[in-house]
Amino acid sequence: MSLEESNRMLKKTHSQVLNYNKTYHVYLHEKCLFKNLSQEEFDVIWGRLYHSYWDGLTYSEVDIDEATLIDSSY
């Protein structure tokens, strides 16, 4: 395997880890409709909802700190 191929694989793996540590919440007029969506789930839901409910539809990205999850005792 060449160095270039190895770097491409590392970048892909790194981006998958970053996506895994991120979730999305979708809101309509500040009311939460969906929470803790993966990137794939968010893409589908946002794409479908935005066409019909673009007025008042928002979302937030939540970065998950894995160290915090590991250290939590309850």
PDB file of N, CA and C in Angstrom:
ATOM      1  N   MET A   1       0.848  -1.172   0.000  1.00  0.00           N
ATOM      2  CA  MET A   1       0.000   0.000   0.000  1.00  0.00           C
ATOM      3  C   MET A   1       0.895   1.238   0.000  1.00  0.00           C
ATOM      4  N   SER A   2       0.570   2.179  -0.848  1.00  0.00           N
ATOM      5  CA  SER A   2       1.379   3.386  -0.938  1.00  0.00           C
ATOM      6  C   SER A   2       1.066   4.336   0.213  1.00  0.00           C
ATOM      7  N   LEU A   3       1.931   5.295   0.407  1.00  0.00           N
ATOM      8  CA  LEU A   3       1.734   6.301   1.451  1.00  0.00           C
ATOM      9  C   LEU A   3       0.474   7.114   1.182  1.00  0.00           C
ATOM     10  N   GLU A   4       0.218   7.426  -0.078  1.00  0.00           N
ATOM     11  CA  GLU A   4      -0.974   8.192  -0.450  1.00  0.00           C
ATOM     12  C   GLU A   4      -2.253   7.420  -0.110  1.00  0.00           C
ATOM     13  N   GLU A   5      -2.289   6.136  -0.429  1.00  0.00           N
ATOM     14  CA  GLU A   5      -3.455   5.308  -0.101  1.00  0.00           C
ATOM     15  C   GLU A   5      -3.644   5.210   1.408  1.00  0.00           C
ATOM     16  N   SER A   6      -2.553   5.068   2.100  1.00  0.00           N
ATOM     17  CA  SER A   6      -2.609   4.985   3.562  1.00  0.00           C
ATOM     18  C   SER A   6      -3.159   6.281   4.157  1.00  0.00           C
ATOM     19  N   ASN A   7      -2.719   7.415   3.645  1.00  0.00           N
ATOM     20  CA  ASN A   7      -3.218   8.714   4.121  1.00  0.00           C
ATOM     21  C   ASN A   7      -4.699   8.888   3.831  1.00  0.00           C
ATOM     22  N   ARG A   8      -5.154   8.442   2.649  1.00  0.00           N
ATOM     23  CA  ARG A   8      -6.583   8.521   2.313  1.00  0.00           C
ATOM     24  C   ARG A   8      -7.418   7.693   3.274  1.00  0.00           C
ATOM     25  N   MET A   9      -6.947   6.495   3.591  1.00  0.00           N
ATOM     26  CA  MET A   9      -7.670   5.632   4.518  1.00  0.00           C
ATOM     27  C   MET A   9      -7.724   6.252   5.908  1.00  0.00           C
ATOM     28  N   LEU A  10      -6.617   6.856   6.338  1.00  0.00           N
ATOM     29  CA  LEU A  10      -6.567   7.490   7.650  1.00  0.00           C
ATOM     30  C   LEU A  10      -7.532   8.665   7.716  1.00  0.00           C
ATOM     31  N   LYS A  11      -7.580   9.474   6.669  1.00  0.00           N
ATOM     32  CA  LYS A  11      -8.503  10.610   6.634  1.00  0.00           C
ATOM     33  C   LYS A  11      -9.943  10.127   6.678  1.00  0.00           C
ATOM     34  N   LYS A  12     -10.254   9.071   5.939  1.00  0.00           N
ATOM     35  CA  LYS A  12     -11.611   8.533   5.929  1.00  0.00           C
ATOM     36  C   LYS A  12     -11.977   8.013   7.312  1.00  0.00           C
ATOM     37  N   THR A  13     -11.083   7.277   7.934  1.00  0.00           N
ATOM     38  CA  THR A  13     -11.340   6.751   9.272  1.00  0.00           C
ATOM     39  C   THR A  13     -11.521   7.896  10.257  1.00  0.00           C
ATOM     40  N   HIS A  14     -10.692   8.922  10.167  1.00  0.00           N
ATOM     41  CA  HIS A  14     -10.787  10.075  11.060  1.00  0.00           C
ATOM     42  C   HIS A  14     -12.126  10.782  10.883  1.00  0.00           C
ATOM     43  N   SER A  15     -12.593  10.962   9.661  1.00  0.00           N
ATOM     44  CA  SER A  15     -13.873  11.624   9.437  1.00  0.00           C
ATOM     45  C   SER A  15     -15.026  10.764   9.938  1.00  0.00           C
ATOM     46  N   GLN A  16     -14.920   9.453   9.842  1.00  0.00           N
ATOM     47  CA  GLN A  16     -15.962   8.584  10.375  1.00  0.00           C
ATOM     48  C   GLN A  16     -16.035   8.709  11.890  1.00  0.00           C
ATOM     49  N   VAL A  17     -14.893   8.807  12.551  1.00  0.00           N
ATOM     50  CA  VAL A  17     -14.871   8.979  14.000  1.00  0.00           C
ATOM     51  C   VAL A  17     -15.487  10.316  14.377  1.00  0.00           C
ATOM     52  N   LEU A  18     -15.152  11.366  13.639  1.00  0.00           N
ATOM     53  CA  LEU A  18     -15.719  12.677  13.936  1.00  0.00           C
ATOM     54  C   LEU A  18     -17.229  12.669  13.757  1.00  0.00           C
ATOM     55  N   ASN A  19     -17.731  12.051  12.698  1.00  0.00           N
ATOM     56  CA  ASN A  19     -19.171  11.963  12.489  1.00  0.00           C
ATOM     57  C   ASN A  19     -19.843  11.153  13.579  1.00  0.00           C
ATOM     58  N   TYR A  20     -19.170  10.126  14.053  1.00  0.00           N
ATOM     59  CA  TYR A  20     -19.742   9.279  15.084  1.00  0.00           C
ATOM     60  C   TYR A  20     -19.910  10.055  16.384  1.00  0.00           C
ATOM     61  N   ASN A  21     -19.048  11.033  16.636  1.00  0.00           N
ATOM     62  CA  ASN A  21     -19.076  11.802  17.863  1.00  0.00           C
ATOM     63  C   ASN A  21     -19.948  13.041  17.760  1.00  0.00           C
ATOM     64  N   LYS A  22     -20.784  13.095  16.765  1.00  0.00           N
ATOM     65  CA  LYS A  22     -21.645  14.256  16.554  1.00  0.00           C
ATOM     66  C   LYS A  22     -23.075  13.765  16.362  1.00  0.00           C
ATOM     67  N   THR A  23     -24.013  14.434  17.020  1.00  0.00           N
ATOM     68  CA  THR A  23     -25.421  14.131  16.812  1.00  0.00           C
ATOM     69  C   THR A  23     -26.154  15.413  16.471  1.00  0.00           C
ATOM     70  N   TYR A  24     -27.367  15.276  16.000  1.00  0.00           N
ATOM     71  CA  TYR A  24     -28.160  16.420  15.575  1.00  0.00           C
ATOM     72  C   TYR A  24     -29.519  16.394  16.262  1.00  0.00           C
ATOM     73  N   HIS A  25     -30.016  17.594  16.583  1.00  0.00           N
ATOM     74  CA  HIS A  25     -31.366  17.772  17.107  1.00  0.00           C
ATOM     75  C   HIS A  25     -32.109  18.660  16.111  1.00  0.00           C
ATOM     76  N   VAL A  26     -33.359  18.336  15.804  1.00  0.00           N
ATOM     77  CA  VAL A  26     -34.172  19.111  14.865  1.00  0.00           C
ATOM     78  C   VAL A  26     -35.342  19.717  15.630  1.00  0.00           C
ATOM     79  N   TYR A  27     -35.575  21.017  15.409  1.00  0.00           N
ATOM     80  CA  TYR A  27     -36.620  21.761  16.110  1.00  0.00           C
ATOM     81  C   TYR A  27     -37.580  22.404  15.116  1.00  0.00           C
ATOM     82  N   LEU A  28     -38.835  22.494  15.512  1.00  0.00           N
ATOM     83  CA  LEU A  28     -39.832  23.253  14.769  1.00  0.00           C
ATOM     84  C   LEU A  28     -40.431  24.239  15.751  1.00  0.00           C
ATOM     85  N   HIS A  29     -40.241  25.521  15.471  1.00  0.00           N
ATOM     86  CA  HIS A  29     -40.687  26.598  16.367  1.00  0.00           C
ATOM     87  C   HIS A  29     -40.210  26.333  17.799  1.00  0.00           C
ATOM     88  N   GLU A  30     -38.940  26.024  17.936  1.00  0.00           N
ATOM     89  CA  GLU A  30     -38.245  25.802  19.207  1.00  0.00           C
ATOM     90  C   GLU A  30     -38.719  24.566  19.967  1.00  0.00           C
ATOM     91  N   LYS A  31     -39.536  23.722  19.363  1.00  0.00           N
ATOM     92  CA  LYS A  31     -39.948  22.467  19.973  1.00  0.00           C
ATOM     93  C   LYS A  31     -39.145  21.340  19.333  1.00  0.00           C
ATOM     94  N   CYS A  32     -38.507  20.524  20.159  1.00  0.00           N
ATOM     95  CA  CYS A  32     -37.656  19.454  19.645  1.00  0.00           C
ATOM     96  C   CYS A  32     -38.504  18.351  19.016  1.00  0.00           C
ATOM     97  N   LEU A  33     -38.264  18.097  17.736  1.00  0.00           N
ATOM     98  CA  LEU A  33     -38.957  17.019  17.033  1.00  0.00           C
ATOM     99  C   LEU A  33     -38.149  15.730  17.035  1.00  0.00           C
ATOM    100  N   PHE A  34     -36.835  15.853  16.848  1.00  0.00           N
ATOM    101  CA  PHE A  34     -35.926  14.705  16.799  1.00  0.00           C
ATOM    102  C   PHE A  34     -34.660  15.069  17.553  1.00  0.00           C
ATOM    103  N   LYS A  35     -34.120  14.108  18.308  1.00  0.00           N
ATOM    104  CA  LYS A  35     -32.845  14.359  18.980  1.00  0.00           C
ATOM    105  C   LYS A  35     -31.921  13.163  18.822  1.00  0.00           C
ATOM    106  N   ASN A  36     -30.645  13.451  18.947  1.00  0.00           N
ATOM    107  CA  ASN A  36     -29.595  12.434  18.849  1.00  0.00           C
ATOM    108  C   ASN A  36     -29.612  11.676  17.523  1.00  0.00           C
ATOM    109  N   LEU A  37     -29.789  12.408  16.435  1.00  0.00           N
ATOM    110  CA  LEU A  37     -29.769  11.795  15.109  1.00  0.00           C
ATOM    111  C   LEU A  37     -28.333  11.646  14.626  1.00  0.00           C
ATOM    112  N   SER A  38     -28.053  10.554  13.959  1.00  0.00           N
ATOM    113  CA  SER A  38     -26.753  10.394  13.302  1.00  0.00           C
ATOM    114  C   SER A  38     -26.732  11.286  12.064  1.00  0.00           C
ATOM    115  N   GLN A  39     -25.581  11.404  11.443  1.00  0.00           N
ATOM    116  CA  GLN A  39     -25.457  12.218  10.230  1.00  0.00           C
ATOM    117  C   GLN A  39     -26.402  11.713   9.149  1.00  0.00           C
ATOM    118  N   GLU A  40     -26.455  10.408   8.961  1.00  0.00           N
ATOM    119  CA  GLU A  40     -27.302   9.826   7.919  1.00  0.00           C
ATOM    120  C   GLU A  40     -28.786  10.071   8.213  1.00  0.00           C
ATOM    121  N   GLU A  41     -29.191   9.873   9.461  1.00  0.00           N
ATOM    122  CA  GLU A  41     -30.586  10.114   9.838  1.00  0.00           C
ATOM    123  C   GLU A  41     -30.945  11.584   9.657  1.00  0.00           C
ATOM    124  N   PHE A  42     -30.039  12.456  10.079  1.00  0.00           N
ATOM    125  CA  PHE A  42     -30.275  13.893   9.944  1.00  0.00           C
ATOM    126  C   PHE A  42     -30.447  14.285   8.479  1.00  0.00           C
ATOM    127  N   ASP A  43     -29.579  13.800   7.620  1.00  0.00           N
ATOM    128  CA  ASP A  43     -29.648  14.152   6.199  1.00  0.00           C
ATOM    129  C   ASP A  43     -31.007  13.789   5.606  1.00  0.00           C
ATOM    130  N   VAL A  44     -31.509  12.617   5.925  1.00  0.00           N
ATOM    131  CA  VAL A  44     -32.802  12.176   5.395  1.00  0.00           C
ATOM    132  C   VAL A  44     -33.942  13.018   5.961  1.00  0.00           C
ATOM    133  N   ILE A  45     -33.971  13.150   7.278  1.00  0.00           N
ATOM    134  CA  ILE A  45     -35.072  13.870   7.931  1.00  0.00           C
ATOM    135  C   ILE A  45     -35.057  15.342   7.562  1.00  0.00           C
ATOM    136  N   TRP A  46     -33.906  15.976   7.613  1.00  0.00           N
ATOM    137  CA  TRP A  46     -33.815  17.401   7.286  1.00  0.00           C
ATOM    138  C   TRP A  46     -34.237  17.642   5.841  1.00  0.00           C
ATOM    139  N   GLY A  47     -33.788  16.805   4.952  1.00  0.00           N
ATOM    140  CA  GLY A  47     -34.145  16.954   3.545  1.00  0.00           C
ATOM    141  C   GLY A  47     -35.640  16.877   3.304  1.00  0.00           C
ATOM    142  N   ARG A  48     -36.298  16.006   4.011  1.00  0.00           N
ATOM    143  CA  ARG A  48     -37.746  15.853   3.823  1.00  0.00           C
ATOM    144  C   ARG A  48     -38.539  16.943   4.524  1.00  0.00           C
ATOM    145  N   LEU A  49     -38.142  17.297   5.737  1.00  0.00           N
ATOM    146  CA  LEU A  49     -38.886  18.315   6.481  1.00  0.00           C
ATOM    147  C   LEU A  49     -38.698  19.717   5.912  1.00  0.00           C
ATOM    148  N   TYR A  50     -37.488  20.022   5.458  1.00  0.00           N
ATOM    149  CA  TYR A  50     -37.178  21.381   5.026  1.00  0.00           C
ATOM    150  C   TYR A  50     -38.061  21.822   3.861  1.00  0.00           C
ATOM    151  N   HIS A  51     -38.464  20.905   3.002  1.00  0.00           N
ATOM    152  CA  HIS A  51     -39.313  21.256   1.866  1.00  0.00           C
ATOM    153  C   HIS A  51     -40.688  21.727   2.318  1.00  0.00           C
ATOM    154  N   SER A  52     -41.202  21.166   3.417  1.00  0.00           N
ATOM    155  CA  SER A  52     -42.552  21.487   3.869  1.00  0.00           C
ATOM    156  C   SER A  52     -42.600  22.502   5.004  1.00  0.00           C
ATOM    157  N   TYR A  53     -41.623  22.466   5.885  1.00  0.00           N
ATOM    158  CA  TYR A  53     -41.672  23.279   7.112  1.00  0.00           C
ATOM    159  C   TYR A  53     -40.462  24.189   7.247  1.00  0.00           C
ATOM    160  N   TRP A  54     -40.002  24.789   6.177  1.00  0.00           N
ATOM    161  CA  TRP A  54     -38.787  25.587   6.236  1.00  0.00           C
ATOM    162  C   TRP A  54     -38.926  26.768   7.182  1.00  0.00           C
ATOM    163  N   ASP A  55     -40.146  27.284   7.383  1.00  0.00           N
ATOM    164  CA  ASP A  55     -40.349  28.423   8.285  1.00  0.00           C
ATOM    165  C   ASP A  55     -40.404  27.906   9.725  1.00  0.00           C
ATOM    166  N   GLY A  56     -39.421  28.256  10.522  1.00  0.00           N
ATOM    167  CA  GLY A  56     -39.388  27.836  11.916  1.00  0.00           C
ATOM    168  C   GLY A  56     -38.628  26.554  12.167  1.00  0.00           C
ATOM    169  N   LEU A  57     -38.087  25.956  11.115  1.00  0.00           N
ATOM    170  CA  LEU A  57     -37.338  24.709  11.258  1.00  0.00           C
ATOM    171  C   LEU A  57     -35.866  25.036  11.483  1.00  0.00           C
ATOM    172  N   THR A  58     -35.313  24.521  12.568  1.00  0.00           N
ATOM    173  CA  THR A  58     -33.900  24.735  12.885  1.00  0.00           C
ATOM    174  C   THR A  58     -33.294  23.420  13.349  1.00  0.00           C
ATOM    175  N   TYR A  59     -31.980  23.423  13.479  1.00  0.00           N
ATOM    176  CA  TYR A  59     -31.295  22.253  14.020  1.00  0.00           C
ATOM    177  C   TYR A  59     -30.073  22.692  14.800  1.00  0.00           C
ATOM    178  N   SER A  60     -29.570  21.799  15.623  1.00  0.00           N
ATOM    179  CA  SER A  60     -28.317  22.049  16.330  1.00  0.00           C
ATOM    180  C   SER A  60     -27.440  20.813  16.208  1.00  0.00           C
ATOM    181  N   GLU A  61     -26.141  21.067  16.123  1.00  0.00           N
ATOM    182  CA  GLU A  61     -25.145  20.001  16.117  1.00  0.00           C
ATOM    183  C   GLU A  61     -24.613  19.869  17.534  1.00  0.00           C
ATOM    184  N   VAL A  62     -24.516  18.648  18.012  1.00  0.00           N
ATOM    185  CA  VAL A  62     -24.009  18.413  19.359  1.00  0.00           C
ATOM    186  C   VAL A  62     -22.772  17.533  19.244  1.00  0.00           C
ATOM    187  N   ASP A  63     -21.648  18.063  19.700  1.00  0.00           N
ATOM    188  CA  ASP A  63     -20.412  17.276  19.722  1.00  0.00           C
ATOM    189  C   ASP A  63     -20.357  16.508  21.029  1.00  0.00           C
ATOM    190  N   ILE A  64     -20.140  15.210  20.928  1.00  0.00           N
ATOM    191  CA  ILE A  64     -20.093  14.352  22.106  1.00  0.00           C
ATOM    192  C   ILE A  64     -18.643  14.184  22.528  1.00  0.00           C
ATOM    193  N   ASP A  65     -18.375  14.502  23.780  1.00  0.00           N
ATOM    194  CA  ASP A  65     -17.039  14.322  24.343  1.00  0.00           C
ATOM    195  C   ASP A  65     -16.969  12.919  24.929  1.00  0.00           C
ATOM    196  N   GLU A  66     -16.302  12.016  24.234  1.00  0.00           N
ATOM    197  CA  GLU A  66     -16.233  10.615  24.654  1.00  0.00           C
ATOM    198  C   GLU A  66     -15.620  10.472  26.042  1.00  0.00           C
ATOM    199  N   ALA A  67     -14.666  11.331  26.396  1.00  0.00           N
ATOM    200  CA  ALA A  67     -14.043  11.255  27.723  1.00  0.00           C
ATOM    201  C   ALA A  67     -15.076  11.498  28.811  1.00  0.00           C
ATOM    202  N   THR A  68     -15.994  12.411  28.576  1.00  0.00           N
ATOM    203  CA  THR A  68     -17.052  12.694  29.545  1.00  0.00           C
ATOM    204  C   THR A  68     -17.964  11.485  29.696  1.00  0.00           C
ATOM    205  N   LEU A  69     -18.286  10.835  28.590  1.00  0.00           N
ATOM    206  CA  LEU A  69     -19.153   9.663  28.658  1.00  0.00           C
ATOM    207  C   LEU A  69     -18.485   8.521  29.429  1.00  0.00           C
ATOM    208  N   ILE A  70     -17.216   8.340  29.212  1.00  0.00           N
ATOM    209  CA  ILE A  70     -16.485   7.268  29.876  1.00  0.00           C
ATOM    210  C   ILE A  70     -16.389   7.534  31.368  1.00  0.00           C
ATOM    211  N   ASP A  71     -16.178   8.803  31.755  1.00  0.00           N
ATOM    212  CA  ASP A  71     -16.004   9.150  33.163  1.00  0.00           C
ATOM    213  C   ASP A  71     -17.317   9.243  33.931  1.00  0.00           C
ATOM    214  N   SER A  72     -18.447   9.292  33.239  1.00  0.00           N
ATOM    215  CA  SER A  72     -19.719   9.419  33.960  1.00  0.00           C
ATOM    216  C   SER A  72     -20.020   8.134  34.720  1.00  0.00           C
ATOM    217  N   SER A  73     -20.483   8.297  35.935  1.00  0.00           N
ATOM    218  CA  SER A  73     -20.703   7.120  36.773  1.00  0.00           C
ATOM    219  C   SER A  73     -22.176   6.748  36.855  1.00  0.00           C
ATOM    220  N   TYR A  74     -23.043   7.556  36.262  1.00  0.00           N
ATOM    221  CA  TYR A  74     -24.470   7.224  36.275  1.00  0.00           C
ATOM    222  C   TYR A  74     -25.201   7.812  35.136  1.00  0.00           C
TER     223      TYR A  74
END
